Amino acid sequence: MTIFPFEIKATEGKARTGTLKTPRGEIRTPAFMPVGTAGTVKALYMDQVKEAGADIILGNTYHLMLRPGAERVKRLGGLHSFAHWDGPMLTDSGGFQVWSLAQLRKMDADGVTFQS
């Protein structure tokens, strides 16, 4: 497990601001983290996302697997290259869709299969 250094910048009562240092860059907290569902933040170029104050974006694994798919993302140089984002990125597990899309999935001992 990798532990990234966190530096507290200011406090007021129980509130605090800080900086999380990652190999891809620093993330100011509390963080403004736009959702780049399928490797893109809708209606913005990544330089505009950065200009809006984002240090990190979120990628949704379920949607990335549907489209464009893992093979295409890999062929295009990985998620950072595909998204044209060189900063920190957080991807979720895709597990929420197991419950939120229950009507479109089948679970068995091998895992979950979605109807798309």
PDB file of N, CA and C in Angstrom:
ATOM      1  N   MET A   1       0.835  -1.162   0.000  1.00  0.00           N
ATOM      2  CA  MET A   1       0.000   0.000   0.000  1.00  0.00           C
ATOM      3  C   MET A   1       0.896   1.246   0.000  1.00  0.00           C
ATOM      4  N   THR A   2       0.601   2.182  -0.880  1.00  0.00           N
ATOM      5  CA  THR A   2       1.334   3.433  -0.948  1.00  0.00           C
ATOM      6  C   THR A   2       0.657   4.470  -0.070  1.00  0.00           C
ATOM      7  N   ILE A   3       1.436   5.156   0.724  1.00  0.00           N
ATOM      8  CA  ILE A   3       0.910   6.227   1.558  1.00  0.00           C
ATOM      9  C   ILE A   3       1.493   7.533   1.050  1.00  0.00           C
ATOM     10  N   PHE A   4       0.608   8.459   0.686  1.00  0.00           N
ATOM     11  CA  PHE A   4       1.045   9.742   0.176  1.00  0.00           C
ATOM     12  C   PHE A   4       1.086  10.755   1.314  1.00  0.00           C
ATOM     13  N   PRO A   5       2.140  11.594   1.347  1.00  0.00           N
ATOM     14  CA  PRO A   5       2.241  12.603   2.405  1.00  0.00           C
ATOM     15  C   PRO A   5       1.102  13.623   2.340  1.00  0.00           C
ATOM     16  N   PHE A   6       0.577  13.984   3.500  1.00  0.00           N
ATOM     17  CA  PHE A   6      -0.472  14.984   3.606  1.00  0.00           C
ATOM     18  C   PHE A   6       0.029  16.086   4.527  1.00  0.00           C
ATOM     19  N   GLU A   7      -0.021  17.317   4.054  1.00  0.00           N
ATOM     20  CA  GLU A   7       0.431  18.453   4.836  1.00  0.00           C
ATOM     21  C   GLU A   7      -0.756  19.347   5.160  1.00  0.00           C
ATOM     22  N   ILE A   8      -0.985  19.591   6.439  1.00  0.00           N
ATOM     23  CA  ILE A   8      -2.067  20.491   6.850  1.00  0.00           C
ATOM     24  C   ILE A   8      -1.595  21.919   6.648  1.00  0.00           C
ATOM     25  N   LYS A   9      -2.397  22.709   5.939  1.00  0.00           N
ATOM     26  CA  LYS A   9      -2.055  24.098   5.625  1.00  0.00           C
ATOM     27  C   LYS A   9      -2.705  25.080   6.592  1.00  0.00           C
ATOM     28  N   ALA A  10      -3.954  24.805   6.989  1.00  0.00           N
ATOM     29  CA  ALA A  10      -4.671  25.708   7.890  1.00  0.00           C
ATOM     30  C   ALA A  10      -5.758  24.933   8.609  1.00  0.00           C
ATOM     31  N   THR A  11      -6.095  25.395   9.803  1.00  0.00           N
ATOM     32  CA  THR A  11      -7.186  24.795  10.565  1.00  0.00           C
ATOM     33  C   THR A  11      -8.043  25.898  11.161  1.00  0.00           C
ATOM     34  N   GLU A  12      -9.294  25.549  11.356  1.00  0.00           N
ATOM     35  CA  GLU A  12     -10.223  26.412  12.088  1.00  0.00           C
ATOM     36  C   GLU A  12     -11.228  25.486  12.741  1.00  0.00           C
ATOM     37  N   GLY A  13     -11.168  25.365  14.051  1.00  0.00           N
ATOM     38  CA  GLY A  13     -11.997  24.375  14.742  1.00  0.00           C
ATOM     39  C   GLY A  13     -11.584  22.993  14.271  1.00  0.00           C
ATOM     40  N   LYS A  14     -12.557  22.194  13.845  1.00  0.00           N
ATOM     41  CA  LYS A  14     -12.255  20.849  13.338  1.00  0.00           C
ATOM     42  C   LYS A  14     -12.022  20.838  11.828  1.00  0.00           C
ATOM     43  N   ALA A  15     -12.212  21.996  11.188  1.00  0.00           N
ATOM     44  CA  ALA A  15     -11.993  22.085   9.742  1.00  0.00           C
ATOM     45  C   ALA A  15     -10.506  22.257   9.448  1.00  0.00           C
ATOM     46  N   ARG A  16     -10.084  21.778   8.288  1.00  0.00           N
ATOM     47  CA  ARG A  16      -8.691  21.943   7.889  1.00  0.00           C
ATOM     48  C   ARG A  16      -8.581  21.985   6.374  1.00  0.00           C
ATOM     49  N   THR A  17      -7.519  22.584   5.924  1.00  0.00           N
ATOM     50  CA  THR A  17      -7.147  22.505   4.515  1.00  0.00           C
ATOM     51  C   THR A  17      -5.768  21.896   4.468  1.00  0.00           C
ATOM     52  N   GLY A  18      -5.461  21.301   3.356  1.00  0.00           N
ATOM     53  CA  GLY A  18      -4.153  20.676   3.255  1.00  0.00           C
ATOM     54  C   GLY A  18      -3.798  20.340   1.833  1.00  0.00           C
ATOM     55  N   THR A  19      -2.692  19.645   1.714  1.00  0.00           N
ATOM     56  CA  THR A  19      -2.205  19.213   0.409  1.00  0.00           C
ATOM     57  C   THR A  19      -1.781  17.754   0.504  1.00  0.00           C
ATOM     58  N   LEU A  20      -2.307  16.952  -0.404  1.00  0.00           N
ATOM     59  CA  LEU A  20      -1.926  15.552  -0.539  1.00  0.00           C
ATOM     60  C   LEU A  20      -0.938  15.490  -1.697  1.00  0.00           C
ATOM     61  N   LYS A  21       0.243  14.955  -1.456  1.00  0.00           N
ATOM     62  CA  LYS A  21       1.284  14.916  -2.486  1.00  0.00           C
ATOM     63  C   LYS A  21       1.340  13.533  -3.119  1.00  0.00           C
ATOM     64  N   THR A  22       1.136  13.483  -4.432  1.00  0.00           N
ATOM     65  CA  THR A  22       1.166  12.222  -5.177  1.00  0.00           C
ATOM     66  C   THR A  22       2.240  12.313  -6.259  1.00  0.00           C
ATOM     67  N   PRO A  23       2.631  11.190  -6.824  1.00  0.00           N
ATOM     68  CA  PRO A  23       3.616  11.219  -7.914  1.00  0.00           C
ATOM     69  C   PRO A  23       3.130  12.020  -9.132  1.00  0.00           C
ATOM     70  N   ARG A  24       1.829  12.162  -9.309  1.00  0.00           N
ATOM     71  CA  ARG A  24       1.280  12.904 -10.457  1.00  0.00           C
ATOM     72  C   ARG A  24       1.005  14.368 -10.136  1.00  0.00           C
ATOM     73  N   GLY A  25       1.199  14.776  -8.885  1.00  0.00           N
ATOM     74  CA  GLY A  25       0.973  16.168  -8.525  1.00  0.00           C
ATOM     75  C   GLY A  25       0.279  16.294  -7.185  1.00  0.00           C
ATOM     76  N   GLU A  26       0.146  17.529  -6.742  1.00  0.00           N
ATOM     77  CA  GLU A  26      -0.482  17.798  -5.457  1.00  0.00           C
ATOM     78  C   GLU A  26      -1.989  17.980  -5.605  1.00  0.00           C
ATOM     79  N   ILE A  27      -2.713  17.554  -4.575  1.00  0.00           N
ATOM     80  CA  ILE A  27      -4.169  17.710  -4.527  1.00  0.00           C
ATOM     81  C   ILE A  27      -4.486  18.566  -3.311  1.00  0.00           C
ATOM     82  N   ARG A  28      -5.051  19.735  -3.559  1.00  0.00           N
ATOM     83  CA  ARG A  28      -5.462  20.596  -2.451  1.00  0.00           C
ATOM     84  C   ARG A  28      -6.764  20.061  -1.866  1.00  0.00           C
ATOM     85  N   THR A  29      -6.846  20.077  -0.538  1.00  0.00           N
ATOM     86  CA  THR A  29      -8.070  19.625   0.115  1.00  0.00           C
ATOM     87  C   THR A  29      -8.646  20.758   0.941  1.00  0.00           C
ATOM     88  N   PRO A  30      -9.984  20.833   1.037  1.00  0.00           N
ATOM     89  CA  PRO A  30     -10.925  19.942   0.374  1.00  0.00           C
ATOM     90  C   PRO A  30     -10.778  20.052  -1.142  1.00  0.00           C
ATOM     91  N   ALA A  31     -11.042  18.968  -1.818  1.00  0.00           N
ATOM     92  CA  ALA A  31     -10.768  18.877  -3.249  1.00  0.00           C
ATOM     93  C   ALA A  31     -12.008  19.109  -4.094  1.00  0.00           C
ATOM     94  N   PHE A  32     -11.807  19.826  -5.186  1.00  0.00           N
ATOM     95  CA  PHE A  32     -12.793  19.944  -6.252  1.00  0.00           C
ATOM     96  C   PHE A  32     -12.415  18.865  -7.251  1.00  0.00           C
ATOM     97  N   MET A  33     -13.252  17.821  -7.370  1.00  0.00           N
ATOM     98  CA  MET A  33     -12.920  16.677  -8.212  1.00  0.00           C
ATOM     99  C   MET A  33     -14.024  16.429  -9.236  1.00  0.00           C
ATOM    100  N   PRO A  34     -13.895  17.012 -10.433  1.00  0.00           N
ATOM    101  CA  PRO A  34     -14.896  16.756 -11.469  1.00  0.00           C
ATOM    102  C   PRO A  34     -14.897  15.287 -11.876  1.00  0.00           C
ATOM    103  N   VAL A  35     -16.043  14.830 -12.317  1.00  0.00           N
ATOM    104  CA  VAL A  35     -16.191  13.448 -12.759  1.00  0.00           C
ATOM    105  C   VAL A  35     -15.947  13.368 -14.253  1.00  0.00           C
ATOM    106  N   GLY A  36     -14.921  12.626 -14.616  1.00  0.00           N
ATOM    107  CA  GLY A  36     -14.636  12.340 -16.024  1.00  0.00           C
ATOM    108  C   GLY A  36     -15.130  10.935 -16.312  1.00  0.00           C
ATOM    109  N   THR A  37     -16.432  10.767 -16.371  1.00  0.00           N
ATOM    110  CA  THR A  37     -17.077   9.455 -16.406  1.00  0.00           C
ATOM    111  C   THR A  37     -16.386   8.474 -17.348  1.00  0.00           C
ATOM    112  N   ALA A  38     -16.240   8.842 -18.591  1.00  0.00           N
ATOM    113  CA  ALA A  38     -15.621   7.937 -19.566  1.00  0.00           C
ATOM    114  C   ALA A  38     -14.319   8.534 -20.083  1.00  0.00           C
ATOM    115  N   GLY A  39     -13.546   9.131 -19.179  1.00  0.00           N
ATOM    116  CA  GLY A  39     -12.267   9.700 -19.571  1.00  0.00           C
ATOM    117  C   GLY A  39     -12.368  11.135 -20.047  1.00  0.00           C
ATOM    118  N   THR A  40     -13.516  11.757 -19.851  1.00  0.00           N
ATOM    119  CA  THR A  40     -13.688  13.148 -20.242  1.00  0.00           C
ATOM    120  C   THR A  40     -14.652  13.830 -19.287  1.00  0.00           C
ATOM    121  N   VAL A  41     -14.391  15.091 -18.994  1.00  0.00           N
ATOM    122  CA  VAL A  41     -15.324  15.899 -18.224  1.00  0.00           C
ATOM    123  C   VAL A  41     -16.209  16.584 -19.248  1.00  0.00           C
ATOM    124  N   LYS A  42     -17.488  16.306 -19.217  1.00  0.00           N
ATOM    125  CA  LYS A  42     -18.412  16.787 -20.247  1.00  0.00           C
ATOM    126  C   LYS A  42     -18.335  18.299 -20.420  1.00  0.00           C
ATOM    127  N   ALA A  43     -18.277  18.745 -21.664  1.00  0.00           N
ATOM    128  CA  ALA A  43     -18.346  20.141 -22.094  1.00  0.00           C
ATOM    129  C   ALA A  43     -17.085  20.945 -21.797  1.00  0.00           C
ATOM    130  N   LEU A  44     -16.011  20.298 -21.318  1.00  0.00           N
ATOM    131  CA  LEU A  44     -14.774  21.023 -21.031  1.00  0.00           C
ATOM    132  C   LEU A  44     -13.570  20.295 -21.608  1.00  0.00           C
ATOM    133  N   TYR A  45     -12.579  21.073 -22.047  1.00  0.00           N
ATOM    134  CA  TYR A  45     -11.277  20.513 -22.358  1.00  0.00           C
ATOM    135  C   TYR A  45     -10.515  20.399 -21.042  1.00  0.00           C
ATOM    136  N   MET A  46      -9.528  19.528 -20.981  1.00  0.00           N
ATOM    137  CA  MET A  46      -8.818  19.317 -19.726  1.00  0.00           C
ATOM    138  C   MET A  46      -8.077  20.569 -19.256  1.00  0.00           C
ATOM    139  N   ASP A  47      -7.608  21.425 -20.163  1.00  0.00           N
ATOM    140  CA  ASP A  47      -6.983  22.662 -19.699  1.00  0.00           C
ATOM    141  C   ASP A  47      -8.013  23.562 -19.022  1.00  0.00           C
ATOM    142  N   GLN A  48      -9.270  23.499 -19.465  1.00  0.00           N
ATOM    143  CA  GLN A  48     -10.332  24.265 -18.812  1.00  0.00           C
ATOM    144  C   GLN A  48     -10.667  23.686 -17.434  1.00  0.00           C
ATOM    145  N   VAL A  49     -10.590  22.365 -17.310  1.00  0.00           N
ATOM    146  CA  VAL A  49     -10.809  21.713 -16.016  1.00  0.00           C
ATOM    147  C   VAL A  49      -9.743  22.191 -15.032  1.00  0.00           C
ATOM    148  N   LYS A  50      -8.495  22.216 -15.485  1.00  0.00           N
ATOM    149  CA  LYS A  50      -7.389  22.693 -14.640  1.00  0.00           C
ATOM    150  C   LYS A  50      -7.591  24.163 -14.280  1.00  0.00           C
ATOM    151  N   GLU A  51      -7.986  24.986 -15.262  1.00  0.00           N
ATOM    152  CA  GLU A  51      -8.216  26.415 -15.011  1.00  0.00           C
ATOM    153  C   GLU A  51      -9.372  26.645 -14.031  1.00  0.00           C
ATOM    154  N   ALA A  52     -10.327  25.711 -13.986  1.00  0.00           N
ATOM    155  CA  ALA A  52     -11.461  25.827 -13.066  1.00  0.00           C
ATOM    156  C   ALA A  52     -11.053  25.502 -11.623  1.00  0.00           C
ATOM    157  N   GLY A  53      -9.835  25.012 -11.441  1.00  0.00           N
ATOM    158  CA  GLY A  53      -9.332  24.765 -10.094  1.00  0.00           C
ATOM    159  C   GLY A  53      -9.204  23.308  -9.705  1.00  0.00           C
ATOM    160  N   ALA A  54      -9.436  22.398 -10.624  1.00  0.00           N
ATOM    161  CA  ALA A  54      -9.339  20.975 -10.292  1.00  0.00           C
ATOM    162  C   ALA A  54      -7.883  20.514 -10.296  1.00  0.00           C
ATOM    163  N   ASP A  55      -7.500  19.775  -9.268  1.00  0.00           N
ATOM    164  CA  ASP A  55      -6.178  19.154  -9.203  1.00  0.00           C
ATOM    165  C   ASP A  55      -6.260  17.676  -9.560  1.00  0.00           C
ATOM    166  N   ILE A  56      -7.471  17.127  -9.527  1.00  0.00           N
ATOM    167  CA  ILE A  56      -7.699  15.690  -9.694  1.00  0.00           C
ATOM    168  C   ILE A  56      -9.037  15.504 -10.402  1.00  0.00           C
ATOM    169  N   ILE A  57      -9.149  14.438 -11.184  1.00  0.00           N
ATOM    170  CA  ILE A  57     -10.447  14.087 -11.766  1.00  0.00           C
ATOM    171  C   ILE A  57     -10.780  12.649 -11.379  1.00  0.00           C
ATOM    172  N   LEU A  58     -12.061  12.334 -11.448  1.00  0.00           N
ATOM    173  CA  LEU A  58     -12.548  11.008 -11.115  1.00  0.00           C
ATOM    174  C   LEU A  58     -12.959  10.292 -12.394  1.00  0.00           C
ATOM    175  N   GLY A  59     -12.524   9.059 -12.557  1.00  0.00           N
ATOM    176  CA  GLY A  59     -12.953   8.224 -13.677  1.00  0.00           C
ATOM    177  C   GLY A  59     -13.857   7.122 -13.166  1.00  0.00           C
ATOM    178  N   ASN A  60     -14.927   6.846 -13.880  1.00  0.00           N
ATOM    179  CA  ASN A  60     -15.883   5.818 -13.473  1.00  0.00           C
ATOM    180  C   ASN A  60     -15.550   4.517 -14.201  1.00  0.00           C
ATOM    181  N   THR A  61     -15.075   3.540 -13.452  1.00  0.00           N
ATOM    182  CA  THR A  61     -14.608   2.284 -14.036  1.00  0.00           C
ATOM    183  C   THR A  61     -15.683   1.573 -14.846  1.00  0.00           C
ATOM    184  N   TYR A  62     -16.892   1.533 -14.325  1.00  0.00           N
ATOM    185  CA  TYR A  62     -17.979   0.853 -15.040  1.00  0.00           C
ATOM    186  C   TYR A  62     -18.171   1.463 -16.429  1.00  0.00           C
ATOM    187  N   HIS A  63     -18.275   2.786 -16.491  1.00  0.00           N
ATOM    188  CA  HIS A  63     -18.508   3.441 -17.783  1.00  0.00           C
ATOM    189  C   HIS A  63     -17.292   3.327 -18.701  1.00  0.00           C
ATOM    190  N   LEU A  64     -16.084   3.386 -18.132  1.00  0.00           N
ATOM    191  CA  LEU A  64     -14.883   3.216 -18.947  1.00  0.00           C
ATOM    192  C   LEU A  64     -14.819   1.817 -19.548  1.00  0.00           C
ATOM    193  N   MET A  65     -15.269   0.826 -18.799  1.00  0.00           N
ATOM    194  CA  MET A  65     -15.253  -0.539 -19.327  1.00  0.00           C
ATOM    195  C   MET A  65     -16.277  -0.716 -20.449  1.00  0.00           C
ATOM    196  N   LEU A  66     -17.425  -0.037 -20.334  1.00  0.00           N
ATOM    197  CA  LEU A  66     -18.421  -0.113 -21.401  1.00  0.00           C
ATOM    198  C   LEU A  66     -17.925   0.564 -22.672  1.00  0.00           C
ATOM    199  N   ARG A  67     -17.422   1.761 -22.483  1.00  0.00           N
ATOM    200  CA  ARG A  67     -16.968   2.566 -23.609  1.00  0.00           C
ATOM    201  C   ARG A  67     -15.978   3.576 -23.085  1.00  0.00           C
ATOM    202  N   PRO A  68     -14.779   3.554 -23.496  1.00  0.00           N
ATOM    203  CA  PRO A  68     -14.208   2.956 -24.696  1.00  0.00           C
ATOM    204  C   PRO A  68     -13.723   1.519 -24.521  1.00  0.00           C
ATOM    205  N   GLY A  69     -13.626   1.028 -23.298  1.00  0.00           N
ATOM    206  CA  GLY A  69     -13.160  -0.335 -23.052  1.00  0.00           C
ATOM    207  C   GLY A  69     -11.684  -0.356 -22.679  1.00  0.00           C
ATOM    208  N   ALA A  70     -11.312  -1.348 -21.876  1.00  0.00           N
ATOM    209  CA  ALA A  70      -9.943  -1.445 -21.365  1.00  0.00           C
ATOM    210  C   ALA A  70      -8.915  -1.610 -22.476  1.00  0.00           C
ATOM    211  N   GLU A  71      -9.235  -2.395 -23.490  1.00  0.00           N
ATOM    212  CA  GLU A  71      -8.271  -2.639 -24.566  1.00  0.00           C
ATOM    213  C   GLU A  71      -7.959  -1.358 -25.332  1.00  0.00           C
ATOM    214  N   ARG A  72      -8.987  -0.559 -25.607  1.00  0.00           N
ATOM    215  CA  ARG A  72      -8.772   0.693 -26.337  1.00  0.00           C
ATOM    216  C   ARG A  72      -7.991   1.691 -25.490  1.00  0.00           C
ATOM    217  N   VAL A  73      -8.335   1.798 -24.209  1.00  0.00           N
ATOM    218  CA  VAL A  73      -7.606   2.716 -23.324  1.00  0.00           C
ATOM    219  C   VAL A  73      -6.132   2.316 -23.278  1.00  0.00           C
ATOM    220  N   LYS A  74      -5.856   1.015 -23.152  1.00  0.00           N
ATOM    221  CA  LYS A  74      -4.474   0.536 -23.122  1.00  0.00           C
ATOM    222  C   LYS A  74      -3.768   0.851 -24.436  1.00  0.00           C
ATOM    223  N   ARG A  75      -4.436   0.590 -25.556  1.00  0.00           N
ATOM    224  CA  ARG A  75      -3.849   0.835 -26.871  1.00  0.00           C
ATOM    225  C   ARG A  75      -3.520   2.319 -27.073  1.00  0.00           C
ATOM    226  N   LEU A  76      -4.289   3.192 -26.437  1.00  0.00           N
ATOM    227  CA  LEU A  76      -4.088   4.633 -26.583  1.00  0.00           C
ATOM    228  C   LEU A  76      -3.157   5.215 -25.516  1.00  0.00           C
ATOM    229  N   GLY A  77      -2.457   4.338 -24.778  1.00  0.00           N
ATOM    230  CA  GLY A  77      -1.425   4.807 -23.865  1.00  0.00           C
ATOM    231  C   GLY A  77      -1.811   4.882 -22.405  1.00  0.00           C
ATOM    232  N   GLY A  78      -2.954   4.322 -22.039  1.00  0.00           N
ATOM    233  CA  GLY A  78      -3.401   4.358 -20.650  1.00  0.00           C
ATOM    234  C   GLY A  78      -4.403   5.470 -20.422  1.00  0.00           C
ATOM    235  N   LEU A  79      -5.004   5.475 -19.252  1.00  0.00           N
ATOM    236  CA  LEU A  79      -6.096   6.400 -18.972  1.00  0.00           C
ATOM    237  C   LEU A  79      -5.648   7.859 -18.974  1.00  0.00           C
ATOM    238  N   HIS A  80      -4.476   8.153 -18.409  1.00  0.00           N
ATOM    239  CA  HIS A  80      -4.010   9.542 -18.413  1.00  0.00           C
ATOM    240  C   HIS A  80      -3.811  10.055 -19.837  1.00  0.00           C
ATOM    241  N   SER A  81      -3.202   9.266 -20.665  1.00  0.00           N
ATOM    242  CA  SER A  81      -2.988   9.662 -22.056  1.00  0.00           C
ATOM    243  C   SER A  81      -4.321   9.783 -22.792  1.00  0.00           C
ATOM    244  N   PHE A  82      -5.181   8.805 -22.605  1.00  0.00           N
ATOM    245  CA  PHE A  82      -6.498   8.811 -23.253  1.00  0.00           C
ATOM    246  C   PHE A  82      -7.301  10.054 -22.871  1.00  0.00           C
ATOM    247  N   ALA A  83      -7.248  10.426 -21.584  1.00  0.00           N
ATOM    248  CA  ALA A  83      -8.029  11.555 -21.088  1.00  0.00           C
ATOM    249  C   ALA A  83      -7.331  12.899 -21.305  1.00  0.00           C
ATOM    250  N   HIS A  84      -6.067  12.859 -21.719  1.00  0.00           N
ATOM    251  CA  HIS A  84      -5.275  14.098 -21.860  1.00  0.00           C
ATOM    252  C   HIS A  84      -5.184  14.840 -20.523  1.00  0.00           C
ATOM    253  N   TRP A  85      -4.974  14.084 -19.451  1.00  0.00           N
ATOM    254  CA  TRP A  85      -4.873  14.633 -18.101  1.00  0.00           C
ATOM    255  C   TRP A  85      -3.591  14.096 -17.488  1.00  0.00           C
ATOM    256  N   ASP A  86      -2.668  14.986 -17.112  1.00  0.00           N
ATOM    257  CA  ASP A  86      -1.406  14.517 -16.550  1.00  0.00           C
ATOM    258  C   ASP A  86      -1.370  14.576 -15.031  1.00  0.00           C
ATOM    259  N   GLY A  87      -2.430  15.070 -14.412  1.00  0.00           N
ATOM    260  CA  GLY A  87      -2.485  15.180 -12.959  1.00  0.00           C
ATOM    261  C   GLY A  87      -3.036  13.928 -12.305  1.00  0.00           C
ATOM    262  N   PRO A  88      -3.236  14.009 -10.991  1.00  0.00           N
ATOM    263  CA  PRO A  88      -3.803  12.876 -10.263  1.00  0.00           C
ATOM    264  C   PRO A  88      -5.200  12.510 -10.777  1.00  0.00           C
ATOM    265  N   MET A  89      -5.493  11.235 -10.710  1.00  0.00           N
ATOM    266  CA  MET A  89      -6.786  10.716 -11.155  1.00  0.00           C
ATOM    267  C   MET A  89      -7.213   9.633 -10.171  1.00  0.00           C
ATOM    268  N   LEU A  90      -8.484   9.632  -9.836  1.00  0.00           N
ATOM    269  CA  LEU A  90      -9.043   8.603  -8.964  1.00  0.00           C
ATOM    270  C   LEU A  90     -10.038   7.802  -9.781  1.00  0.00           C
ATOM    271  N   THR A  91      -9.910   6.502  -9.755  1.00  0.00           N
ATOM    272  CA  THR A  91     -10.917   5.655 -10.390  1.00  0.00           C
ATOM    273  C   THR A  91     -11.630   4.882  -9.298  1.00  0.00           C
ATOM    274  N   ASP A  92     -12.930   4.741  -9.473  1.00  0.00           N
ATOM    275  CA  ASP A  92     -13.701   3.970  -8.504  1.00  0.00           C
ATOM    276  C   ASP A  92     -13.638   2.498  -8.884  1.00  0.00           C
ATOM    277  N   SER A  93     -14.210   1.676  -8.067  1.00  0.00           N
ATOM    278  CA  SER A  93     -14.171   0.232  -8.316  1.00  0.00           C
ATOM    279  C   SER A  93     -15.192  -0.213  -9.354  1.00  0.00           C
ATOM    280  N   GLY A  94     -16.182   0.618  -9.624  1.00  0.00           N
ATOM    281  CA  GLY A  94     -17.283   0.208 -10.478  1.00  0.00           C
ATOM    282  C   GLY A  94     -18.320  -0.605  -9.722  1.00  0.00           C
ATOM    283  N   GLY A  95     -18.087  -0.835  -8.447  1.00  0.00           N
ATOM    284  CA  GLY A  95     -18.971  -1.687  -7.655  1.00  0.00           C
ATOM    285  C   GLY A  95     -20.338  -1.106  -7.374  1.00  0.00           C
ATOM    286  N   PHE A  96     -20.464   0.212  -7.347  1.00  0.00           N
ATOM    287  CA  PHE A  96     -21.768   0.817  -7.064  1.00  0.00           C
ATOM    288  C   PHE A  96     -22.806   0.368  -8.083  1.00  0.00           C
ATOM    289  N   GLN A  97     -22.389   0.209  -9.339  1.00  0.00           N
ATOM    290  CA  GLN A  97     -23.334  -0.183 -10.373  1.00  0.00           C
ATOM    291  C   GLN A  97     -23.889  -1.590 -10.159  1.00  0.00           C
ATOM    292  N   VAL A  98     -23.200  -2.405  -9.382  1.00  0.00           N
ATOM    293  CA  VAL A  98     -23.738  -3.734  -9.053  1.00  0.00           C
ATOM    294  C   VAL A  98     -25.092  -3.571  -8.381  1.00  0.00           C
ATOM    295  N   TRP A  99     -25.244  -2.505  -7.585  1.00  0.00           N
ATOM    296  CA  TRP A  99     -26.503  -2.281  -6.874  1.00  0.00           C
ATOM    297  C   TRP A  99     -27.408  -1.303  -7.613  1.00  0.00           C
ATOM    298  N   SER A 100     -26.846  -0.226  -8.153  1.00  0.00           N
ATOM    299  CA  SER A 100     -27.689   0.777  -8.801  1.00  0.00           C
ATOM    300  C   SER A 100     -28.273   0.284 -10.118  1.00  0.00           C
ATOM    301  N   LEU A 101     -27.620  -0.670 -10.754  1.00  0.00           N
ATOM    302  CA  LEU A 101     -28.120  -1.228 -12.021  1.00  0.00           C
ATOM    303  C   LEU A 101     -28.522  -2.694 -11.847  1.00  0.00           C
ATOM    304  N   ALA A 102     -29.103  -2.991 -10.697  1.00  0.00           N
ATOM    305  CA  ALA A 102     -29.446  -4.382 -10.373  1.00  0.00           C
ATOM    306  C   ALA A 102     -30.324  -5.026 -11.436  1.00  0.00           C
ATOM    307  N   GLN A 103     -31.196  -4.238 -12.074  1.00  0.00           N
ATOM    308  CA  GLN A 103     -32.092  -4.795 -13.092  1.00  0.00           C
ATOM    309  C   GLN A 103     -31.347  -5.179 -14.370  1.00  0.00           C
ATOM    310  N   LEU A 104     -30.084  -4.728 -14.506  1.00  0.00           N
ATOM    311  CA  LEU A 104     -29.300  -5.010 -15.716  1.00  0.00           C
ATOM    312  C   LEU A 104     -28.141  -5.969 -15.462  1.00  0.00           C
ATOM    313  N   ARG A 105     -28.142  -6.645 -14.320  1.00  0.00           N
ATOM    314  CA  ARG A 105     -27.001  -7.490 -14.014  1.00  0.00           C
ATOM    315  C   ARG A 105     -27.412  -8.870 -13.545  1.00  0.00           C
ATOM    316  N   LYS A 106     -26.461  -9.788 -13.730  1.00  0.00           N
ATOM    317  CA  LYS A 106     -26.608 -11.145 -13.233  1.00  0.00           C
ATOM    318  C   LYS A 106     -25.369 -11.439 -12.399  1.00  0.00           C
ATOM    319  N   MET A 107     -25.569 -11.898 -11.167  1.00  0.00           N
ATOM    320  CA  MET A 107     -24.447 -12.251 -10.297  1.00  0.00           C
ATOM    321  C   MET A 107     -24.384 -13.756 -10.148  1.00  0.00           C
ATOM    322  N   ASP A 108     -23.169 -14.282 -10.181  1.00  0.00           N
ATOM    323  CA  ASP A 108     -22.954 -15.696  -9.902  1.00  0.00           C
ATOM    324  C   ASP A 108     -21.586 -15.850  -9.249  1.00  0.00           C
ATOM    325  N   ALA A 109     -21.126 -17.063  -9.079  1.00  0.00           N
ATOM    326  CA  ALA A 109     -19.867 -17.322  -8.388  1.00  0.00           C
ATOM    327  C   ALA A 109     -18.667 -16.731  -9.140  1.00  0.00           C
ATOM    328  N   ASP A 110     -18.806 -16.490 -10.429  1.00  0.00           N
ATOM    329  CA  ASP A 110     -17.697 -15.938 -11.227  1.00  0.00           C
ATOM    330  C   ASP A 110     -17.664 -14.421 -11.199  1.00  0.00           C
ATOM    331  N   GLY A 111     -18.699 -13.760 -10.689  1.00  0.00           N
ATOM    332  CA  GLY A 111     -18.716 -12.310 -10.632  1.00  0.00           C
ATOM    333  C   GLY A 111     -20.030 -11.753 -11.110  1.00  0.00           C
ATOM    334  N   VAL A 112     -19.952 -10.595 -11.744  1.00  0.00           N
ATOM    335  CA  VAL A 112     -21.152  -9.875 -12.195  1.00  0.00           C
ATOM    336  C   VAL A 112     -21.075  -9.697 -13.701  1.00  0.00           C
ATOM    337  N   THR A 113     -22.193  -9.946 -14.359  1.00  0.00           N
ATOM    338  CA  THR A 113     -22.302  -9.712 -15.807  1.00  0.00           C
ATOM    339  C   THR A 113     -23.424  -8.704 -16.009  1.00  0.00           C
ATOM    340  N   PHE A 114     -23.120  -7.620 -16.745  1.00  0.00           N
ATOM    341  CA  PHE A 114     -24.104  -6.583 -17.002  1.00  0.00           C
ATOM    342  C   PHE A 114     -24.661  -6.708 -18.410  1.00  0.00           C
ATOM    343  N   GLN A 115     -25.925  -6.379 -18.539  1.00  0.00           N
ATOM    344  CA  GLN A 115     -26.540  -6.253 -19.856  1.00  0.00           C
ATOM    345  C   GLN A 115     -26.392  -4.781 -20.236  1.00  0.00           C
ATOM    346  N   SER A 116     -25.793  -4.514 -21.374  1.00  0.00           N
ATOM    347  CA  SER A 116     -25.566  -3.128 -21.778  1.00  0.00           C
ATOM    348  C   SER A 116     -26.358  -2.826 -23.038  1.00  0.00           C
TER     349      SER A 116
END
